């Protein structure tokens, strides 16, 4: 009986020692597991952050064809060709991204590959306007070799050092029309007497002054106080040609009077001699056309 109680007491002590060791060891197991497998212990943070990529709101494909001319970019992105065209037509609101932002995107946009980066520098070589090949046969025989200007001023005065005087000797120039008559203009005014020596009616008009008027055959009319320059048109009612002959007045003229001019109408069959307009300039020159 004594032996059995001793054996039972020793077994109980041994079992208590084992259980006590387990109680001391169990709190350290989760900490060691957490150090070896951190992503498995807290999957709600580290695992989600590692598996979720950052989304680019303005991918570069928006600015490449065919998307550049077919797809409208989201608000806040640099506008592509289609977005700019629709905004110019009033179909879309004006993009808030300025041209400066398009040429200078943020560092975050550059890292994500956002379209609208700064344009590449122009590396095309400058064109030589006067290549040396023009001075070599057969090109030097054409006579079209351009000579560079030796003047540094854009509007150099002809005849001064460094200026280039254009050659106008070969340019055809229209001859100036010779006045049919000349009168002395006084007080910037003139009196014109129209004399119709034909049997046909003549319609005349002072441009900017009177409406078309009728001058019967074998009659005359005087237009007084016309301000020069002045233009008078006239034509025959039957469609024929008029020969107009200007004549200066023989009457004495004082400084306070207007100049006087008489124009006589006669018939002509020559279309080259036909006239239909009279023009008096400020200097007194009289032209018939």
Protein backbone atom coordinates (compact mmCIF):
# COMPACT_ATOMS: atom_id res chain seq x y z
CA UNK A 1 0.00 0.00 0.00
CA UNK A 2 2.84 2.33 0.78
CA UNK A 3 4.58 1.57 -2.45
CA UNK A 4 1.53 2.35 -4.55
CA UNK A 5 1.04 5.77 -2.96
CA UNK A 6 4.63 6.71 -3.52
CA UNK A 7 4.45 5.69 -7.16
CA UNK A 8 1.28 7.75 -7.65
CA UNK A 9 2.85 10.81 -6.03
CA UNK A 10 5.94 10.61 -8.20
CA UNK A 11 3.81 10.23 -11.33
CA UNK A 12 1.77 13.26 -10.39
CA UNK A 13 4.91 15.35 -9.83
CA UNK A 14 6.35 14.24 -13.18
CA UNK A 15 3.10 15.07 -15.00
CA UNK A 16 2.96 18.49 -13.32
CA UNK A 17 6.50 19.26 -14.45
CA UNK A 18 5.65 18.42 -18.04
CA UNK A 19 2.48 20.57 -18.02
CA UNK A 20 4.37 23.47 -16.45
CA UNK A 21 6.99 23.35 -19.21
CA UNK A 22 4.30 23.41 -21.84
CA UNK A 23 2.67 26.46 -20.28
CA UNK A 24 5.98 28.33 -20.34
CA UNK A 25 6.76 27.38 -24.00
CA UNK A 26 3.36 28.04 -25.66
CA UNK A 27 3.45 31.92 -25.53
CA UNK A 28 6.75 31.96 -27.48
CA UNK A 29 5.45 29.85 -30.42
CA UNK A 30 3.22 32.56 -31.99
CA UNK A 31 6.03 35.11 -31.78
CA UNK A 32 8.48 32.81 -33.57
CA UNK A 33 5.90 31.94 -36.22
CA UNK A 34 5.14 35.61 -36.75
CA UNK A 35 8.86 36.30 -37.29
CA UNK A 36 9.26 33.48 -39.81
CA UNK A 37 5.96 33.97 -41.74
CA UNK A 38 4.90 37.61 -41.40
CA UNK A 39 2.78 37.68 -44.60
CA UNK A 40 0.77 34.67 -43.47
CA UNK A 41 0.14 36.03 -40.03
CA UNK A 42 -1.41 39.37 -41.23
CA UNK A 43 -2.66 38.83 -44.77
CA UNK A 44 -5.04 41.83 -44.57
CA UNK A 45 -2.17 44.35 -44.83
CA UNK A 46 1.14 43.14 -46.24
CA UNK A 47 -0.23 40.60 -48.71
CA UNK A 48 -2.84 43.03 -50.10
CA UNK A 49 -0.30 45.83 -50.45
CA UNK A 50 2.13 43.57 -52.32
CA UNK A 51 -0.46 42.23 -54.79
CA UNK A 52 -2.31 45.50 -55.66
CA UNK A 53 -0.49 47.51 -58.42
CA UNK A 54 -0.79 51.32 -58.70
CA UNK A 55 -3.22 52.32 -61.49
CA UNK A 56 -2.07 54.87 -64.12
CA UNK A 57 -5.01 57.25 -64.82
CA UNK A 58 -3.39 58.61 -68.02
CA UNK A 59 -1.71 55.74 -69.88
CA UNK A 60 0.57 56.57 -72.76
CA UNK A 61 -1.70 54.72 -75.21
CA UNK A 62 -4.15 57.65 -75.04
CA UNK A 63 -1.59 59.70 -76.96
CA UNK A 64 -0.73 57.11 -79.60
CA UNK A 65 -2.69 56.33 -82.74
CA UNK A 66 -5.42 55.29 -83.19
CA UNK A 67 -6.44 56.26 -79.62
CA UNK A 68 -4.96 59.76 -80.01
CA UNK A 69 -7.69 60.65 -82.54
CA UNK A 70 -10.49 58.36 -81.30
CA UNK A 71 -10.49 58.31 -77.47
CA UNK A 72 -11.29 61.21 -75.12
CA UNK A 73 -8.88 61.25 -72.17
CA UNK A 74 -10.25 61.39 -68.59
CA UNK A 75 -10.51 64.73 -66.81
CA UNK A 76 -7.22 65.81 -65.32
CA UNK A 77 -5.10 64.12 -68.01
CA UNK A 78 -3.25 66.12 -70.66
CA UNK A 79 -5.65 66.40 -73.65
CA UNK A 80 -4.83 64.36 -76.74
CA UNK A 81 -5.69 65.36 -80.33
CA UNK A 82 -9.37 64.29 -80.13
CA UNK A 83 -9.92 66.00 -76.76
CA UNK A 84 -8.41 69.25 -78.02
CA UNK A 85 -10.49 69.17 -81.22
CA UNK A 86 -13.78 68.54 -79.41
CA UNK A 87 -12.96 71.25 -76.84
CA UNK A 88 -12.27 73.73 -79.63
CA UNK A 89 -15.67 72.91 -81.19
CA UNK A 90 -17.42 73.51 -77.86
CA UNK A 91 -18.45 69.84 -77.48
CA UNK A 92 -16.29 69.35 -74.38
CA UNK A 93 -15.30 71.69 -71.53
CA UNK A 94 -11.94 73.35 -71.92
CA UNK A 95 -9.28 71.04 -70.41
CA UNK A 96 -7.96 72.28 -67.09
CA UNK A 97 -4.47 71.06 -67.96
CA UNK A 98 -2.56 73.90 -69.56
CA UNK A 99 -0.10 73.56 -72.38
CA UNK A 100 2.69 74.21 -69.91
CA UNK A 101 1.59 71.19 -67.85
CA UNK A 102 1.47 69.11 -71.02
CA UNK A 103 5.04 70.02 -71.84
CA UNK A 104 6.20 69.62 -68.20
CA UNK A 105 4.41 66.67 -66.51
CA UNK A 106 4.98 65.90 -62.88
CA UNK A 107 7.56 63.38 -61.74
CA UNK A 108 4.76 60.98 -60.83
CA UNK A 109 3.34 61.23 -64.37
CA UNK A 110 6.74 60.60 -65.91
CA UNK A 111 7.28 57.56 -63.66
CA UNK A 112 3.90 56.12 -64.64
CA UNK A 113 4.45 56.78 -68.34
CA UNK A 114 1.77 59.43 -68.77
CA UNK A 115 1.39 60.81 -72.29
CA UNK A 116 2.10 64.44 -73.08
CA UNK A 117 5.78 64.42 -72.10
CA UNK A 118 7.96 67.34 -73.10
CA UNK A 119 8.43 67.37 -76.88
CA UNK A 120 11.69 66.10 -78.19
CA UNK A 121 14.21 68.68 -79.23
CA UNK A 122 14.34 69.45 -82.93
CA UNK A 123 17.45 67.72 -84.15
CA UNK A 124 16.88 68.27 -87.88
CA UNK A 125 19.90 69.96 -89.44
CA UNK A 126 19.58 73.50 -90.70
CA UNK A 127 19.10 73.82 -94.45
CA UNK A 128 21.84 75.65 -96.31
CA UNK A 129 20.08 78.18 -98.58
CA UNK A 130 23.16 78.47 -100.83
CA UNK A 131 24.83 75.04 -101.16
CA UNK A 132 28.20 74.84 -102.92
CA UNK A 133 26.77 72.58 -105.62
CA UNK A 134 25.15 75.62 -107.21
CA UNK A 135 28.63 76.90 -108.07
CA UNK A 136 29.62 73.66 -109.82
CA UNK A 137 28.76 72.53 -113.38
CA UNK A 138 26.15 72.13 -114.68
CA UNK A 139 24.20 74.06 -111.99
CA UNK A 140 26.34 77.20 -112.25
CA UNK A 141 25.17 77.68 -115.86
CA UNK A 142 21.50 78.28 -115.06
CA UNK A 143 22.09 81.84 -113.87
CA UNK A 144 19.71 81.34 -110.92
CA UNK A 145 22.34 81.13 -108.20
CA UNK A 146 21.07 83.15 -105.29
CA UNK A 147 23.53 85.46 -103.60
CA UNK A 148 23.21 85.86 -99.83
CA UNK A 149 22.59 89.37 -98.62
CA UNK A 150 25.64 91.08 -97.12
CA UNK A 151 23.54 93.37 -94.99
CA UNK A 152 22.80 92.57 -91.38
CA UNK A 153 19.88 95.00 -91.36
CA UNK A 154 16.50 93.66 -92.55
CA UNK A 155 15.59 96.99 -94.19
CA UNK A 156 18.90 98.32 -95.45
CA UNK A 157 18.67 101.56 -97.43
CA UNK A 158 19.57 101.03 -101.12
CA UNK A 159 22.84 102.67 -102.08
CA UNK A 160 24.40 102.37 -98.62
CA UNK A 161 27.23 99.95 -97.74
CA UNK A 162 25.90 96.48 -97.12
CA UNK A 163 22.65 97.04 -99.01
CA UNK A 164 21.52 95.07 -102.05
CA UNK A 165 19.69 96.96 -104.79
CA UNK A 166 17.25 94.73 -106.70
CA UNK A 167 17.65 94.58 -110.45
CA UNK A 168 14.48 95.96 -112.04
CA UNK A 169 15.85 96.42 -115.52
CA UNK A 170 14.12 93.29 -116.78
CA UNK A 171 10.78 94.02 -115.06
CA UNK A 172 8.20 95.43 -117.50
CA UNK A 173 6.66 98.67 -116.26
CA UNK A 174 3.35 100.05 -117.47
CA UNK A 175 3.72 103.52 -119.02
CA UNK A 176 1.99 106.33 -117.18
CA UNK A 177 -1.06 107.75 -118.93
CA UNK A 178 -0.60 111.21 -120.37
CA UNK A 179 -3.24 113.71 -119.22
CA UNK A 180 -5.71 114.72 -121.91
CA UNK A 181 -5.74 118.25 -120.48
CA UNK A 182 -4.55 120.27 -117.50
CA UNK A 183 -6.44 122.97 -115.62
CA UNK A 184 -5.50 125.27 -112.75
CA UNK A 185 -7.36 124.10 -109.64
CA UNK A 186 -8.54 126.84 -107.27
CA UNK A 187 -10.08 126.20 -103.84
CA UNK A 188 -10.02 122.46 -104.58
CA UNK A 189 -13.16 122.80 -106.74
CA UNK A 190 -14.03 122.59 -110.43
CA UNK A 191 -17.00 123.33 -112.74
CA UNK A 192 -17.59 120.85 -115.58
CA UNK A 193 -19.77 121.73 -118.61
CA UNK A 194 -20.95 118.68 -120.59
CA UNK A 195 -21.97 119.39 -124.19
CA UNK A 196 -23.81 116.66 -126.12
CA UNK A 197 -23.24 117.29 -129.83
CA UNK A 198 -24.81 113.96 -130.82
CA UNK A 199 -28.46 113.22 -131.59
CA UNK A 200 -28.55 110.38 -129.01
CA UNK A 201 -29.28 110.73 -125.31
CA UNK A 202 -26.29 110.47 -122.94
CA UNK A 203 -26.52 109.20 -119.35
CA UNK A 204 -23.95 110.72 -116.98
CA UNK A 205 -23.20 110.42 -113.24
CA UNK A 206 -20.83 112.10 -110.79
CA UNK A 207 -19.51 109.16 -108.75
CA UNK A 208 -20.30 109.62 -105.06
CA UNK A 209 -22.23 112.84 -105.70
CA UNK A 210 -25.22 112.40 -108.04
CA UNK A 211 -27.45 109.63 -109.32
CA UNK A 212 -27.46 108.79 -113.05
CA UNK A 213 -28.91 111.69 -115.05
CA UNK A 214 -30.01 112.09 -118.64
CA UNK A 215 -28.48 114.61 -121.07
CA UNK A 216 -30.60 114.95 -124.19
CA UNK A 217 -29.10 115.15 -127.67
CA UNK A 218 -27.94 118.58 -128.80
CA UNK A 219 -28.04 119.95 -125.25
CA UNK A 220 -25.60 120.77 -122.45
CA UNK A 221 -25.41 120.91 -118.65
CA UNK A 222 -22.98 122.50 -116.16
CA UNK A 223 -21.93 120.71 -112.98
CA UNK A 224 -20.79 123.34 -110.49
CA UNK A 225 -18.60 123.19 -107.37
CA UNK A 226 -17.38 119.60 -107.70
CA UNK A 227 -14.63 118.75 -105.21
CA UNK A 228 -11.50 117.25 -106.74
CA UNK A 229 -10.52 114.54 -107.23
CA UNK A 230 -13.74 113.79 -109.08
CA UNK A 231 -14.89 111.11 -111.54
CA UNK A 232 -17.74 111.48 -114.05
CA UNK A 233 -19.03 108.53 -116.07
CA UNK A 234 -21.10 108.76 -119.27
CA UNK A 235 -22.54 106.49 -122.00
CA UNK A 236 -24.81 106.73 -125.01
CA UNK A 237 -28.34 105.50 -124.61
CA UNK A 238 -28.21 103.59 -127.93
CA UNK A 239 -25.03 101.74 -126.97
CA UNK A 240 -22.79 103.57 -129.44
CA UNK A 241 -19.31 104.97 -128.82
CA UNK A 242 -18.67 108.48 -127.52
CA UNK A 243 -15.69 110.62 -128.47
CA UNK A 244 -15.05 112.96 -125.50
CA UNK A 245 -12.94 116.07 -126.03
CA UNK A 246 -11.92 118.20 -122.99
CA UNK A 247 -11.39 121.93 -123.45
CA UNK A 248 -10.21 124.47 -120.92
CA UNK A 249 -12.29 127.59 -120.49
CA UNK A 250 -11.03 130.84 -122.00
CA UNK A 251 -12.81 132.89 -119.35
CA UNK A 252 -10.70 134.80 -116.86
CA UNK A 253 -10.52 133.07 -113.48
CA UNK A 254 -10.01 134.77 -110.15
CA UNK A 255 -8.55 133.22 -107.02
CA UNK A 256 -12.03 132.83 -105.51
CA UNK A 257 -13.55 131.00 -108.47
CA UNK A 258 -13.51 127.28 -109.25
CA UNK A 259 -11.65 125.98 -112.27
CA UNK A 260 -13.71 125.44 -115.43
CA UNK A 261 -13.59 122.51 -117.85
CA UNK A 262 -15.74 121.82 -120.91
CA UNK A 263 -16.20 118.30 -122.34
CA UNK A 264 -17.86 117.84 -125.75
CA UNK A 265 -19.41 114.50 -126.81
CA UNK A 266 -19.40 113.36 -130.45
CA UNK A 267 -20.17 110.08 -132.17
CA UNK A 268 -17.42 107.67 -133.26
CA UNK A 269 -17.41 104.21 -134.84
CA UNK A 270 -13.92 103.38 -133.54
CA UNK A 271 -14.09 101.45 -130.26
CA UNK A 272 -10.47 102.42 -129.53
CA UNK A 273 -11.49 106.09 -129.47
CA UNK A 274 -14.60 105.52 -127.37
CA UNK A 275 -14.56 106.93 -123.84
CA UNK A 276 -16.86 106.42 -120.87
CA UNK A 277 -15.21 108.16 -117.86
CA UNK A 278 -13.59 111.48 -116.96
CA UNK A 279 -11.19 111.88 -114.01
CA UNK A 280 -9.79 115.15 -112.61
CA UNK A 281 -6.96 114.91 -110.06
CA UNK A 282 -6.07 117.43 -107.35
CA UNK A 283 -3.14 118.73 -109.42
CA UNK A 284 -5.47 119.58 -112.31
CA UNK A 285 -4.60 116.63 -114.57
CA UNK A 286 -7.58 115.49 -116.68
CA UNK A 287 -7.75 111.84 -117.79
CA UNK A 288 -10.26 110.23 -120.17
CA UNK A 289 -10.82 106.47 -120.20
